Amino acid sequence: QLQLVESGGGLVQPGGSLRLSCAASGFTLVYYDIGWFRQAPGKEREGLSCISNSDGTTYYADSVKGRFTMSRDNALNTVYLQMNSLKVEDTAVYYCAARWPGAGWTLSPRQYENWGQGTQVTVSS
């Protein structure tokens, strides 16, 4: 059974950093496109970054470009999201998701079939 488990969320002050992990079981991450998403209360789910299955290229939404970095450890079957210079508006539940590769890359949540349960990130002083 395909499963994704996020971890690493928590409370951090503005300007701080967190690293989120997304561990996969039941499938091999490298064969899928993997994305990171977040959803704040009362807002739609937002795509943040994704990594291509084919060559590991990463893509980022403008809202996090230059602050967040996505990476993949094939040996551990895990992807990460390093988040730096965190802002209060980054507060949300963060999710990872997988999709069977399609044409091109996408940050649209609707294109991802398999989701983790999410991890809460709170940025507050």
PDB file of N, CA and C in Angstrom:
ATOM      1  N   GLN A   1       0.848  -1.187   0.000  1.00  0.00           N
ATOM      2  CA  GLN A   1       0.000   0.000   0.000  1.00  0.00           C
ATOM      3  C   GLN A   1       0.887   1.241   0.000  1.00  0.00           C
ATOM      4  N   LEU A   2       0.588   2.146  -0.913  1.00  0.00           N
ATOM      5  CA  LEU A   2       1.369   3.366  -1.044  1.00  0.00           C
ATOM      6  C   LEU A   2       1.071   4.292   0.132  1.00  0.00           C
ATOM      7  N   GLN A   3       2.111   4.732   0.833  1.00  0.00           N
ATOM      8  CA  GLN A   3       1.917   5.586   1.999  1.00  0.00           C
ATOM      9  C   GLN A   3       2.996   6.653   2.056  1.00  0.00           C
ATOM     10  N   LEU A   4       2.593   7.850   2.459  1.00  0.00           N
ATOM     11  CA  LEU A   4       3.502   8.977   2.671  1.00  0.00           C
ATOM     12  C   LEU A   4       3.299   9.487   4.088  1.00  0.00           C
ATOM     13  N   VAL A   5       4.391   9.717   4.801  1.00  0.00           N
ATOM     14  CA  VAL A   5       4.312  10.202   6.177  1.00  0.00           C
ATOM     15  C   VAL A   5       5.214  11.424   6.326  1.00  0.00           C
ATOM     16  N   GLU A   6       4.600  12.568   6.646  1.00  0.00           N
ATOM     17  CA  GLU A   6       5.354  13.796   6.868  1.00  0.00           C
ATOM     18  C   GLU A   6       5.757  13.910   8.334  1.00  0.00           C
ATOM     19  N   SER A   7       6.860  14.586   8.559  1.00  0.00           N
ATOM     20  CA  SER A   7       7.316  14.885   9.920  1.00  0.00           C
ATOM     21  C   SER A   7       8.179  16.132   9.881  1.00  0.00           C
ATOM     22  N   GLY A   8       8.453  16.670  11.062  1.00  0.00           N
ATOM     23  CA  GLY A   8       9.355  17.805  11.164  1.00  0.00           C
ATOM     24  C   GLY A   8       8.691  19.143  11.399  1.00  0.00           C
ATOM     25  N   GLY A   9       7.377  19.164  11.421  1.00  0.00           N
ATOM     26  CA  GLY A   9       6.700  20.417  11.695  1.00  0.00           C
ATOM     27  C   GLY A   9       6.856  20.843  13.137  1.00  0.00           C
ATOM     28  N   GLY A  10       6.419  22.059  13.425  1.00  0.00           N
ATOM     29  CA  GLY A  10       6.505  22.555  14.798  1.00  0.00           C
ATOM     30  C   GLY A  10       6.328  24.048  14.842  1.00  0.00           C
ATOM     31  N   LEU A  11       6.697  24.612  15.982  1.00  0.00           N
ATOM     32  CA  LEU A  11       6.605  26.046  16.222  1.00  0.00           C
ATOM     33  C   LEU A  11       7.984  26.671  16.046  1.00  0.00           C
ATOM     34  N   VAL A  12       8.056  27.727  15.265  1.00  0.00           N
ATOM     35  CA  VAL A  12       9.318  28.405  15.017  1.00  0.00           C
ATOM     36  C   VAL A  12       9.074  29.906  14.967  1.00  0.00           C
ATOM     37  N   GLN A  13      10.073  30.671  15.353  1.00  0.00           N
ATOM     38  CA  GLN A  13       9.946  32.125  15.315  1.00  0.00           C
ATOM     39  C   GLN A  13      10.160  32.653  13.893  1.00  0.00           C
ATOM     40  N   PRO A  14       9.602  33.803  13.598  1.00  0.00           N
ATOM     41  CA  PRO A  14       9.861  34.410  12.285  1.00  0.00           C
ATOM     42  C   PRO A  14      11.355  34.546  12.032  1.00  0.00           C
ATOM     43  N   GLY A  15      11.742  34.215  10.803  1.00  0.00           N
ATOM     44  CA  GLY A  15      13.154  34.223  10.451  1.00  0.00           C
ATOM     45  C   GLY A  15      13.855  32.904  10.686  1.00  0.00           C
ATOM     46  N   GLY A  16      13.193  31.982  11.351  1.00  0.00           N
ATOM     47  CA  GLY A  16      13.783  30.692  11.666  1.00  0.00           C
ATOM     48  C   GLY A  16      13.674  29.696  10.523  1.00  0.00           C
ATOM     49  N   SER A  17      14.123  28.471  10.813  1.00  0.00           N
ATOM     50  CA  SER A  17      14.156  27.414   9.797  1.00  0.00           C
ATOM     51  C   SER A  17      13.550  26.128  10.346  1.00  0.00           C
ATOM     52  N   LEU A  18      13.037  25.331   9.431  1.00  0.00           N
ATOM     53  CA  LEU A  18      12.573  23.982   9.728  1.00  0.00           C
ATOM     54  C   LEU A  18      12.880  23.107   8.519  1.00  0.00           C
ATOM     55  N   ARG A  19      13.075  21.819   8.776  1.00  0.00           N
ATOM     56  CA  ARG A  19      13.195  20.866   7.691  1.00  0.00           C
ATOM     57  C   ARG A  19      12.110  19.810   7.834  1.00  0.00           C
ATOM     58  N   LEU A  20      11.267  19.725   6.835  1.00  0.00           N
ATOM     59  CA  LEU A  20      10.222  18.716   6.805  1.00  0.00           C
ATOM     60  C   LEU A  20      10.708  17.487   6.050  1.00  0.00           C
ATOM     61  N   SER A  21      10.259  16.339   6.505  1.00  0.00           N
ATOM     62  CA  SER A  21      10.575  15.075   5.838  1.00  0.00           C
ATOM     63  C   SER A  21       9.290  14.416   5.362  1.00  0.00           C
ATOM     64  N   CYS A  22       9.404  13.670   4.297  1.00  0.00           N
ATOM     65  CA  CYS A  22       8.279  12.907   3.756  1.00  0.00           C
ATOM     66  C   CYS A  22       8.818  11.529   3.391  1.00  0.00           C
ATOM     67  N   ALA A  23       8.490  10.558   4.221  1.00  0.00           N
ATOM     68  CA  ALA A  23       8.977   9.197   4.023  1.00  0.00           C
ATOM     69  C   ALA A  23       7.930   8.372   3.286  1.00  0.00           C
ATOM     70  N   ALA A  24       8.369   7.663   2.276  1.00  0.00           N
ATOM     71  CA  ALA A  24       7.463   6.853   1.471  1.00  0.00           C
ATOM     72  C   ALA A  24       7.617   5.378   1.800  1.00  0.00           C
ATOM     73  N   SER A  25       6.511   4.665   1.747  1.00  0.00           N
ATOM     74  CA  SER A  25       6.538   3.209   1.880  1.00  0.00           C
ATOM     75  C   SER A  25       5.540   2.622   0.898  1.00  0.00           C
ATOM     76  N   GLY A  26       5.830   1.412   0.450  1.00  0.00           N
ATOM     77  CA  GLY A  26       4.943   0.753  -0.502  1.00  0.00           C
ATOM     78  C   GLY A  26       5.201   1.124  -1.948  1.00  0.00           C
ATOM     79  N   PHE A  27       6.103   2.052  -2.173  1.00  0.00           N
ATOM     80  CA  PHE A  27       6.476   2.417  -3.529  1.00  0.00           C
ATOM     81  C   PHE A  27       7.826   3.110  -3.499  1.00  0.00           C
ATOM     82  N   THR A  28       8.426   3.281  -4.661  1.00  0.00           N
ATOM     83  CA  THR A  28       9.739   3.916  -4.763  1.00  0.00           C
ATOM     84  C   THR A  28       9.577   5.337  -5.273  1.00  0.00           C
ATOM     85  N   LEU A  29       9.984   6.294  -4.427  1.00  0.00           N
ATOM     86  CA  LEU A  29       9.772   7.706  -4.724  1.00  0.00           C
ATOM     87  C   LEU A  29      10.345   8.136  -6.063  1.00  0.00           C
ATOM     88  N   VAL A  30      11.467   7.575  -6.429  1.00  0.00           N
ATOM     89  CA  VAL A  30      12.188   8.073  -7.596  1.00  0.00           C
ATOM     90  C   VAL A  30      11.388   7.867  -8.873  1.00  0.00           C
ATOM     91  N   TYR A  31      10.402   6.998  -8.846  1.00  0.00           N
ATOM     92  CA  TYR A  31       9.599   6.756 -10.044  1.00  0.00           C
ATOM     93  C   TYR A  31       8.393   7.675 -10.157  1.00  0.00           C
ATOM     94  N   TYR A  32       8.198   8.525  -9.153  1.00  0.00           N
ATOM     95  CA  TYR A  32       7.040   9.406  -9.113  1.00  0.00           C
ATOM     96  C   TYR A  32       7.474  10.869  -9.051  1.00  0.00           C
ATOM     97  N   ASP A  33       6.600  11.743  -9.515  1.00  0.00           N
ATOM     98  CA  ASP A  33       6.747  13.158  -9.204  1.00  0.00           C
ATOM     99  C   ASP A  33       6.223  13.372  -7.781  1.00  0.00           C
ATOM    100  N   ILE A  34       6.977  14.107  -6.991  1.00  0.00           N
ATOM    101  CA  ILE A  34       6.599  14.372  -5.605  1.00  0.00           C
ATOM    102  C   ILE A  34       6.461  15.868  -5.409  1.00  0.00           C
ATOM    103  N   GLY A  35       5.427  16.259  -4.715  1.00  0.00           N
ATOM    104  CA  GLY A  35       5.206  17.676  -4.463  1.00  0.00           C
ATOM    105  C   GLY A  35       5.018  17.964  -2.993  1.00  0.00           C
ATOM    106  N   TRP A  36       5.320  19.203  -2.617  1.00  0.00           N
ATOM    107  CA  TRP A  36       5.016  19.726  -1.286  1.00  0.00           C
ATOM    108  C   TRP A  36       3.925  20.780  -1.432  1.00  0.00           C
ATOM    109  N   PHE A  37       2.973  20.734  -0.523  1.00  0.00           N
ATOM    110  CA  PHE A  37       1.832  21.630  -0.541  1.00  0.00           C
ATOM    111  C   PHE A  37       1.572  22.134   0.877  1.00  0.00           C
ATOM    112  N   ARG A  38       0.773  23.154   0.982  1.00  0.00           N
ATOM    113  CA  ARG A  38       0.352  23.620   2.303  1.00  0.00           C
ATOM    114  C   ARG A  38      -1.066  24.168   2.220  1.00  0.00           C
ATOM    115  N   GLN A  39      -1.706  24.142   3.361  1.00  0.00           N
ATOM    116  CA  GLN A  39      -3.053  24.685   3.451  1.00  0.00           C
ATOM    117  C   GLN A  39      -3.218  25.410   4.774  1.00  0.00           C
ATOM    118  N   ALA A  40      -3.485  26.691   4.671  1.00  0.00           N
ATOM    119  CA  ALA A  40      -3.746  27.503   5.850  1.00  0.00           C
ATOM    120  C   ALA A  40      -5.250  27.535   6.101  1.00  0.00           C
ATOM    121  N   PRO A  41      -5.665  27.796   7.327  1.00  0.00           N
ATOM    122  CA  PRO A  41      -7.097  27.838   7.627  1.00  0.00           C
ATOM    123  C   PRO A  41      -7.839  28.821   6.725  1.00  0.00           C
ATOM    124  N   GLY A  42      -8.916  28.345   6.125  1.00  0.00           N
ATOM    125  CA  GLY A  42      -9.739  29.194   5.277  1.00  0.00           C
ATOM    126  C   GLY A  42      -9.192  29.453   3.897  1.00  0.00           C
ATOM    127  N   LYS A  43      -8.076  28.805   3.574  1.00  0.00           N
ATOM    128  CA  LYS A  43      -7.466  29.019   2.258  1.00  0.00           C
ATOM    129  C   LYS A  43      -7.404  27.709   1.480  1.00  0.00           C
ATOM    130  N   GLU A  44      -7.240  27.841   0.185  1.00  0.00           N
ATOM    131  CA  GLU A  44      -7.093  26.666  -0.659  1.00  0.00           C
ATOM    132  C   GLU A  44      -5.697  26.055  -0.496  1.00  0.00           C
ATOM    133  N   ARG A  45      -5.618  24.776  -0.814  1.00  0.00           N
ATOM    134  CA  ARG A  45      -4.315  24.124  -0.769  1.00  0.00           C
ATOM    135  C   ARG A  45      -3.418  24.719  -1.861  1.00  0.00           C
ATOM    136  N   GLU A  46      -2.184  25.001  -1.481  1.00  0.00           N
ATOM    137  CA  GLU A  46      -1.237  25.707  -2.348  1.00  0.00           C
ATOM    138  C   GLU A  46      -0.046  24.810  -2.672  1.00  0.00           C
ATOM    139  N   GLY A  47       0.315  24.707  -3.931  1.00  0.00           N
ATOM    140  CA  GLY A  47       1.511  23.973  -4.316  1.00  0.00           C
ATOM    141  C   GLY A  47       2.747  24.812  -4.084  1.00  0.00           C
ATOM    142  N   LEU A  48       3.771  24.220  -3.471  1.00  0.00           N
ATOM    143  CA  LEU A  48       4.988  24.935  -3.118  1.00  0.00           C
ATOM    144  C   LEU A  48       6.175  24.524  -3.970  1.00  0.00           C
ATOM    145  N   SER A  49       6.367  23.238  -4.112  1.00  0.00           N
ATOM    146  CA  SER A  49       7.517  22.753  -4.861  1.00  0.00           C
ATOM    147  C   SER A  49       7.252  21.333  -5.313  1.00  0.00           C
ATOM    148  N   CYS A  50       7.987  20.917  -6.326  1.00  0.00           N
ATOM    149  CA  CYS A  50       7.894  19.529  -6.768  1.00  0.00           C
ATOM    150  C   CYS A  50       9.236  19.104  -7.337  1.00  0.00           C
ATOM    151  N   ILE A  51       9.422  17.798  -7.382  1.00  0.00           N
ATOM    152  CA  ILE A  51      10.658  17.239  -7.905  1.00  0.00           C
ATOM    153  C   ILE A  51      10.299  16.219  -8.960  1.00  0.00           C
ATOM    154  N   SER A  52      10.978  16.347 -10.080  1.00  0.00           N
ATOM    155  CA  SER A  52      10.702  15.475 -11.212  1.00  0.00           C
ATOM    156  C   SER A  52      11.270  14.084 -10.979  1.00  0.00           C
ATOM    157  N   ASN A  53      10.498  13.069 -11.385  1.00  0.00           N
ATOM    158  CA  ASN A  53      10.995  11.708 -11.239  1.00  0.00           C
ATOM    159  C   ASN A  53      12.166  11.446 -12.180  1.00  0.00           C
ATOM    160  N   SER A  54      12.166  12.110 -13.324  1.00  0.00           N
ATOM    161  CA  SER A  54      13.093  11.741 -14.390  1.00  0.00           C
ATOM    162  C   SER A  54      14.533  12.158 -14.080  1.00  0.00           C
ATOM    163  N   ASP A  55      14.706  13.394 -13.624  1.00  0.00           N
ATOM    164  CA  ASP A  55      16.075  13.871 -13.432  1.00  0.00           C
ATOM    165  C   ASP A  55      16.284  14.594 -12.113  1.00  0.00           C
ATOM    166  N   GLY A  56      15.268  14.604 -11.267  1.00  0.00           N
ATOM    167  CA  GLY A  56      15.409  15.239  -9.961  1.00  0.00           C
ATOM    168  C   GLY A  56      15.358  16.747  -9.983  1.00  0.00           C
ATOM    169  N   THR A  57      14.973  17.333 -11.116  1.00  0.00           N
ATOM    170  CA  THR A  57      14.846  18.784 -11.183  1.00  0.00           C
ATOM    171  C   THR A  57      13.737  19.247 -10.243  1.00  0.00           C
ATOM    172  N   THR A  58      13.991  20.341  -9.549  1.00  0.00           N
ATOM    173  CA  THR A  58      13.001  20.886  -8.625  1.00  0.00           C
ATOM    174  C   THR A  58      12.398  22.177  -9.178  1.00  0.00           C
ATOM    175  N   TYR A  59      11.172  22.417  -8.809  1.00  0.00           N
ATOM    176  CA  TYR A  59      10.430  23.592  -9.245  1.00  0.00           C
ATOM    177  C   TYR A  59       9.771  24.209  -8.014  1.00  0.00           C
ATOM    178  N   TYR A  60       9.620  25.530  -8.023  1.00  0.00           N
ATOM    179  CA  TYR A  60       9.116  26.223  -6.848  1.00  0.00           C
ATOM    180  C   TYR A  60       8.076  27.271  -7.213  1.00  0.00           C
ATOM    181  N   ALA A  61       7.117  27.435  -6.314  1.00  0.00           N
ATOM    182  CA  ALA A  61       6.197  28.550  -6.431  1.00  0.00           C
ATOM    183  C   ALA A  61       6.928  29.842  -6.092  1.00  0.00           C
ATOM    184  N   ASP A  62       6.470  30.939  -6.659  1.00  0.00           N
ATOM    185  CA  ASP A  62       7.116  32.230  -6.403  1.00  0.00           C
ATOM    186  C   ASP A  62       7.096  32.587  -4.922  1.00  0.00           C
ATOM    187  N   SER A  63       6.086  32.127  -4.214  1.00  0.00           N
ATOM    188  CA  SER A  63       5.935  32.491  -2.808  1.00  0.00           C
ATOM    189  C   SER A  63       7.041  31.927  -1.926  1.00  0.00           C
ATOM    190  N   VAL A  64       7.729  30.886  -2.395  1.00  0.00           N
ATOM    191  CA  VAL A  64       8.757  30.254  -1.567  1.00  0.00           C
ATOM    192  C   VAL A  64      10.111  30.197  -2.259  1.00  0.00           C
ATOM    193  N   LYS A  65      10.180  30.621  -3.496  1.00  0.00           N
ATOM    194  CA  LYS A  65      11.430  30.546  -4.246  1.00  0.00           C
ATOM    195  C   LYS A  65      12.519  31.355  -3.531  1.00  0.00           C
ATOM    196  N   GLY A  66      13.673  30.746  -3.369  1.00  0.00           N
ATOM    197  CA  GLY A  66      14.778  31.404  -2.686  1.00  0.00           C
ATOM    198  C   GLY A  66      14.792  31.176  -1.185  1.00  0.00           C
ATOM    199  N   ARG A  67      13.684  30.683  -0.624  1.00  0.00           N
ATOM    200  CA  ARG A  67      13.619  30.419   0.821  1.00  0.00           C
ATOM    201  C   ARG A  67      13.505  28.930   1.114  1.00  0.00           C
ATOM    202  N   PHE A  68      12.794  28.205   0.272  1.00  0.00           N
ATOM    203  CA  PHE A  68      12.558  26.770   0.468  1.00  0.00           C
ATOM    204  C   PHE A  68      13.371  25.976  -0.550  1.00  0.00           C
ATOM    205  N   THR A  69      13.865  24.825  -0.103  1.00  0.00           N
ATOM    206  CA  THR A  69      14.613  23.940  -0.984  1.00  0.00           C
ATOM    207  C   THR A  69      14.118  22.514  -0.806  1.00  0.00           C
ATOM    208  N   MET A  70      13.769  21.902  -1.907  1.00  0.00           N
ATOM    209  CA  MET A  70      13.298  20.514  -1.895  1.00  0.00           C
ATOM    210  C   MET A  70      14.425  19.607  -2.346  1.00  0.00           C
ATOM    211  N   SER A  71      14.529  18.458  -1.684  1.00  0.00           N
ATOM    212  CA  SER A  71      15.560  17.494  -2.062  1.00  0.00           C
ATOM    213  C   SER A  71      15.028  16.083  -1.871  1.00  0.00           C
ATOM    214  N   ARG A  72      15.776  15.132  -2.383  1.00  0.00           N
ATOM    215  CA  ARG A  72      15.335  13.729  -2.335  1.00  0.00           C
ATOM    216  C   ARG A  72      16.518  12.846  -1.978  1.00  0.00           C
ATOM    217  N   ASP A  73      16.306  11.905  -1.089  1.00  0.00           N
ATOM    218  CA  ASP A  73      17.308  10.902  -0.741  1.00  0.00           C
ATOM    219  C   ASP A  73      16.780   9.562  -1.229  1.00  0.00           C
ATOM    220  N   ASN A  74      17.307   9.096  -2.351  1.00  0.00           N
ATOM    221  CA  ASN A  74      16.782   7.868  -2.946  1.00  0.00           C
ATOM    222  C   ASN A  74      17.018   6.658  -2.048  1.00  0.00           C
ATOM    223  N   ALA A  75      18.141   6.637  -1.357  1.00  0.00           N
ATOM    224  CA  ALA A  75      18.456   5.492  -0.501  1.00  0.00           C
ATOM    225  C   ALA A  75      17.468   5.377   0.659  1.00  0.00           C
ATOM    226  N   LEU A  76      17.019   6.518   1.173  1.00  0.00           N
ATOM    227  CA  LEU A  76      16.069   6.520   2.284  1.00  0.00           C
ATOM    228  C   LEU A  76      14.625   6.597   1.818  1.00  0.00           C
ATOM    229  N   ASN A  77      14.434   6.730   0.491  1.00  0.00           N
ATOM    230  CA  ASN A  77      13.077   6.844  -0.047  1.00  0.00           C
ATOM    231  C   ASN A  77      12.305   7.977   0.621  1.00  0.00           C
ATOM    232  N   THR A  78      12.977   9.102   0.741  1.00  0.00           N
ATOM    233  CA  THR A  78      12.450  10.247   1.495  1.00  0.00           C
ATOM    234  C   THR A  78      12.724  11.530   0.726  1.00  0.00           C
ATOM    235  N   VAL A  79      11.785  12.446   0.788  1.00  0.00           N
ATOM    236  CA  VAL A  79      12.021  13.787   0.277  1.00  0.00           C
ATOM    237  C   VAL A  79      11.965  14.763   1.444  1.00  0.00           C
ATOM    238  N   TYR A  80      12.609  15.899   1.235  1.00  0.00           N
ATOM    239  CA  TYR A  80      12.717  16.903   2.286  1.00  0.00           C
ATOM    240  C   TYR A  80      12.293  18.259   1.747  1.00  0.00           C
ATOM    241  N   LEU A  81      11.893  19.109   2.667  1.00  0.00           N
ATOM    242  CA  LEU A  81      11.656  20.503   2.352  1.00  0.00           C
ATOM    243  C   LEU A  81      12.360  21.344   3.405  1.00  0.00           C
ATOM    244  N   GLN A  82      13.462  21.943   3.021  1.00  0.00           N
ATOM    245  CA  GLN A  82      14.194  22.845   3.905  1.00  0.00           C
ATOM    246  C   GLN A  82      13.563  24.224   3.781  1.00  0.00           C
ATOM    247  N   MET A  83      13.098  24.755   4.899  1.00  0.00           N
ATOM    248  CA  MET A  83      12.406  26.041   4.899  1.00  0.00           C
ATOM    249  C   MET A  83      13.208  27.037   5.727  1.00  0.00           C
ATOM    250  N   ASN A  84      13.674  28.082   5.087  1.00  0.00           N
ATOM    251  CA  ASN A  84      14.450  29.122   5.751  1.00  0.00           C
ATOM    252  C   ASN A  84      13.709  30.453   5.700  1.00  0.00           C
ATOM    253  N   SER A  85      14.135  31.379   6.509  1.00  0.00           N
ATOM    254  CA  SER A  85      13.552  32.728   6.550  1.00  0.00           C
ATOM    255  C   SER A  85      12.027  32.656   6.656  1.00  0.00           C
ATOM    256  N   LEU A  86      11.567  31.843   7.573  1.00  0.00           N
ATOM    257  CA  LEU A  86      10.134  31.623   7.690  1.00  0.00           C
ATOM    258  C   LEU A  86       9.403  32.884   8.130  1.00  0.00           C
ATOM    259  N   LYS A  87       8.193  33.031   7.602  1.00  0.00           N
ATOM    260  CA  LYS A  87       7.357  34.183   7.879  1.00  0.00           C
ATOM    261  C   LYS A  87       6.066  33.722   8.565  1.00  0.00           C
ATOM    262  N   VAL A  88       5.398  34.634   9.223  1.00  0.00           N
ATOM    263  CA  VAL A  88       4.143  34.300   9.884  1.00  0.00           C
ATOM    264  C   VAL A  88       3.157  33.710   8.874  1.00  0.00           C
ATOM    265  N   GLU A  89       3.177  34.236   7.664  1.00  0.00           N
ATOM    266  CA  GLU A  89       2.243  33.764   6.642  1.00  0.00           C
ATOM    267  C   GLU A  89       2.577  32.382   6.100  1.00  0.00           C
ATOM    268  N   ASP A  90       3.683  31.796   6.530  1.00  0.00           N
ATOM    269  CA  ASP A  90       3.995  30.410   6.167  1.00  0.00           C
ATOM    270  C   ASP A  90       3.276  29.415   7.079  1.00  0.00           C
ATOM    271  N   THR A  91       2.594  29.899   8.081  1.00  0.00           N
ATOM    272  CA  THR A  91       1.862  29.024   8.988  1.00  0.00           C
ATOM    273  C   THR A  91       0.775  28.265   8.234  1.00  0.00           C
ATOM    274  N   ALA A  92       0.801  26.939   8.339  1.00  0.00           N
ATOM    275  CA  ALA A  92      -0.143  26.093   7.603  1.00  0.00           C
ATOM    276  C   ALA A  92       0.129  24.635   7.960  1.00  0.00           C
ATOM    277  N   VAL A  93      -0.745  23.766   7.479  1.00  0.00           N
ATOM    278  CA  VAL A  93      -0.462  22.336   7.484  1.00  0.00           C
ATOM    279  C   VAL A  93       0.243  22.023   6.163  1.00  0.00           C
ATOM    280  N   TYR A  94       1.371  21.336   6.273  1.00  0.00           N
ATOM    281  CA  TYR A  94       2.180  21.022   5.103  1.00  0.00           C
ATOM    282  C   TYR A  94       2.014  19.547   4.738  1.00  0.00           C
ATOM    283  N   TYR A  95       1.837  19.298   3.453  1.00  0.00           N
ATOM    284  CA  TYR A  95       1.606  17.952   2.939  1.00  0.00           C
ATOM    285  C   TYR A  95       2.615  17.618   1.844  1.00  0.00           C
ATOM    286  N   CYS A  96       2.956  16.359   1.747  1.00  0.00           N
ATOM    287  CA  CYS A  96       3.627  15.877   0.549  1.00  0.00           C
ATOM    288  C   CYS A  96       2.648  14.976  -0.204  1.00  0.00           C
ATOM    289  N   ALA A  97       2.871  14.870  -1.499  1.00  0.00           N
ATOM    290  CA  ALA A  97       1.978  14.080  -2.330  1.00  0.00           C
ATOM    291  C   ALA A  97       2.758  13.519  -3.506  1.00  0.00           C
ATOM    292  N   ALA A  98       2.240  12.448  -4.065  1.00  0.00           N
ATOM    293  CA  ALA A  98       2.891  11.776  -5.183  1.00  0.00           C
ATOM    294  C   ALA A  98       1.911  11.627  -6.335  1.00  0.00           C
ATOM    295  N   ARG A  99       2.477  11.665  -7.529  1.00  0.00           N
ATOM    296  CA  ARG A  99       1.665  11.398  -8.702  1.00  0.00           C
ATOM    297  C   ARG A  99       2.492  10.614  -9.706  1.00  0.00           C
ATOM    298  N   TRP A 100       1.790   9.787 -10.457  1.00  0.00           N
ATOM    299  CA  TRP A 100       2.465   9.115 -11.545  1.00  0.00           C
ATOM    300  C   TRP A 100       2.851  10.182 -12.575  1.00  0.00           C
ATOM    301  N   PRO A 101       4.084  10.172 -13.046  1.00  0.00           N
ATOM    302  CA  PRO A 101       4.544  11.256 -13.916  1.00  0.00           C
ATOM    303  C   PRO A 101       3.663  11.464 -15.135  1.00  0.00           C
ATOM    304  N   GLY A 102       3.388  12.734 -15.410  1.00  0.00           N
ATOM    305  CA  GLY A 102       2.644  13.105 -16.604  1.00  0.00           C
ATOM    306  C   GLY A 102       3.507  13.962 -17.492  1.00  0.00           C
ATOM    307  N   ALA A 103       2.869  14.663 -18.389  1.00  0.00           N
ATOM    308  CA  ALA A 103       3.606  15.553 -19.289  1.00  0.00           C
ATOM    309  C   ALA A 103       3.960  16.824 -18.538  1.00  0.00           C
ATOM    310  N   GLY A 104       5.231  17.075 -18.348  1.00  0.00           N
ATOM    311  CA  GLY A 104       5.644  18.291 -17.676  1.00  0.00           C
ATOM    312  C   GLY A 104       5.486  18.201 -16.165  1.00  0.00           C
ATOM    313  N   TRP A 105       5.726  19.313 -15.505  1.00  0.00           N
ATOM    314  CA  TRP A 105       5.615  19.355 -14.053  1.00  0.00           C
ATOM    315  C   TRP A 105       4.425  20.208 -13.673  1.00  0.00           C
ATOM    316  N   THR A 106       3.930  20.005 -12.461  1.00  0.00           N
ATOM    317  CA  THR A 106       2.771  20.756 -12.028  1.00  0.00           C
ATOM    318  C   THR A 106       2.775  20.921 -10.524  1.00  0.00           C
ATOM    319  N   LEU A 107       2.256  22.034 -10.051  1.00  0.00           N
ATOM    320  CA  LEU A 107       2.037  22.271  -8.624  1.00  0.00           C
ATOM    321  C   LEU A 107       0.544  22.293  -8.310  1.00  0.00           C
ATOM    322  N   SER A 108      -0.253  21.790  -9.219  1.00  0.00           N
ATOM    323  CA  SER A 108      -1.698  21.743  -8.984  1.00  0.00           C
ATOM    324  C   SER A 108      -2.031  20.552  -8.098  1.00  0.00           C
ATOM    325  N   PRO A 109      -2.622  20.802  -6.929  1.00  0.00           N
ATOM    326  CA  PRO A 109      -2.954  19.680  -6.042  1.00  0.00           C
ATOM    327  C   PRO A 109      -3.847  18.638  -6.716  1.00  0.00           C
ATOM    328  N   ARG A 110      -4.672  19.052  -7.647  1.00  0.00           N
ATOM    329  CA  ARG A 110      -5.600  18.122  -8.285  1.00  0.00           C
ATOM    330  C   ARG A 110      -4.886  17.057  -9.107  1.00  0.00           C
ATOM    331  N   GLN A 111      -3.653  17.312  -9.450  1.00  0.00           N
ATOM    332  CA  GLN A 111      -2.895  16.362 -10.293  1.00  0.00           C
ATOM    333  C   GLN A 111      -2.184  15.293  -9.476  1.00  0.00           C
ATOM    334  N   TYR A 112      -2.276  15.365  -8.157  1.00  0.00           N
ATOM    335  CA  TYR A 112      -1.569  14.421  -7.285  1.00  0.00           C
ATOM    336  C   TYR A 112      -2.587  13.478  -6.650  1.00  0.00           C
ATOM    337  N   GLU A 113      -2.269  12.194  -6.705  1.00  0.00           N
ATOM    338  CA  GLU A 113      -3.243  11.182  -6.298  1.00  0.00           C
ATOM    339  C   GLU A 113      -3.067  10.698  -4.866  1.00  0.00           C
ATOM    340  N   ASN A 114      -1.845  10.733  -4.367  1.00  0.00           N
ATOM    341  CA  ASN A 114      -1.555  10.100  -3.088  1.00  0.00           C
ATOM    342  C   ASN A 114      -0.978  11.129  -2.124  1.00  0.00           C
ATOM    343  N   TRP A 115      -1.562  11.229  -0.952  1.00  0.00           N
ATOM    344  CA  TRP A 115      -1.246  12.289  -0.002  1.00  0.00           C
ATOM    345  C   TRP A 115      -0.872  11.735   1.364  1.00  0.00           C
ATOM    346  N   GLY A 116       0.033  12.457   2.029  1.00  0.00           N
ATOM    347  CA  GLY A 116       0.298  12.175   3.427  1.00  0.00           C
ATOM    348  C   GLY A 116      -0.743  12.835   4.312  1.00  0.00           C
ATOM    349  N   GLN A 117      -0.573  12.666   5.616  1.00  0.00           N
ATOM    350  CA  GLN A 117      -1.567  13.175   6.570  1.00  0.00           C
ATOM    351  C   GLN A 117      -1.310  14.626   6.954  1.00  0.00           C
ATOM    352  N   GLY A 118      -0.138  15.147   6.654  1.00  0.00           N
ATOM    353  CA  GLY A 118       0.178  16.531   6.928  1.00  0.00           C
ATOM    354  C   GLY A 118       0.916  16.730   8.238  1.00  0.00           C
ATOM    355  N   THR A 119       1.657  17.818   8.313  1.00  0.00           N
ATOM    356  CA  THR A 119       2.348  18.211   9.538  1.00  0.00           C
ATOM    357  C   THR A 119       2.182  19.719   9.721  1.00  0.00           C
ATOM    358  N   GLN A 120       1.895  20.122  10.947  1.00  0.00           N
ATOM    359  CA  GLN A 120       1.601  21.530  11.224  1.00  0.00           C
ATOM    360  C   GLN A 120       2.894  22.329  11.373  1.00  0.00           C
ATOM    361  N   VAL A 121       2.944  23.462  10.689  1.00  0.00           N
ATOM    362  CA  VAL A 121       4.032  24.422  10.846  1.00  0.00           C
ATOM    363  C   VAL A 121       3.415  25.730  11.326  1.00  0.00           C
ATOM    364  N   THR A 122       3.896  26.214  12.457  1.00  0.00           N
ATOM    365  CA  THR A 122       3.411  27.462  13.013  1.00  0.00           C
ATOM    366  C   THR A 122       4.586  28.415  13.177  1.00  0.00           C
ATOM    367  N   VAL A 123       4.481  29.577  12.553  1.00  0.00           N
ATOM    368  CA  VAL A 123       5.524  30.597  12.646  1.00  0.00           C
ATOM    369  C   VAL A 123       4.962  31.752  13.462  1.00  0.00           C
ATOM    370  N   SER A 124       5.510  31.930  14.631  1.00  0.00           N
ATOM    371  CA  SER A 124       4.983  32.928  15.551  1.00  0.00           C
ATOM    372  C   SER A 124       6.047  33.335  16.549  1.00  0.00           C
ATOM    373  N   SER A 125       5.977  34.603  16.955  1.00  0.00           N
ATOM    374  CA  SER A 125       6.891  35.075  17.989  1.00  0.00           C
ATOM    375  C   SER A 125       6.246  34.941  19.364  1.00  0.00           C
TER     376      SER A 125
END
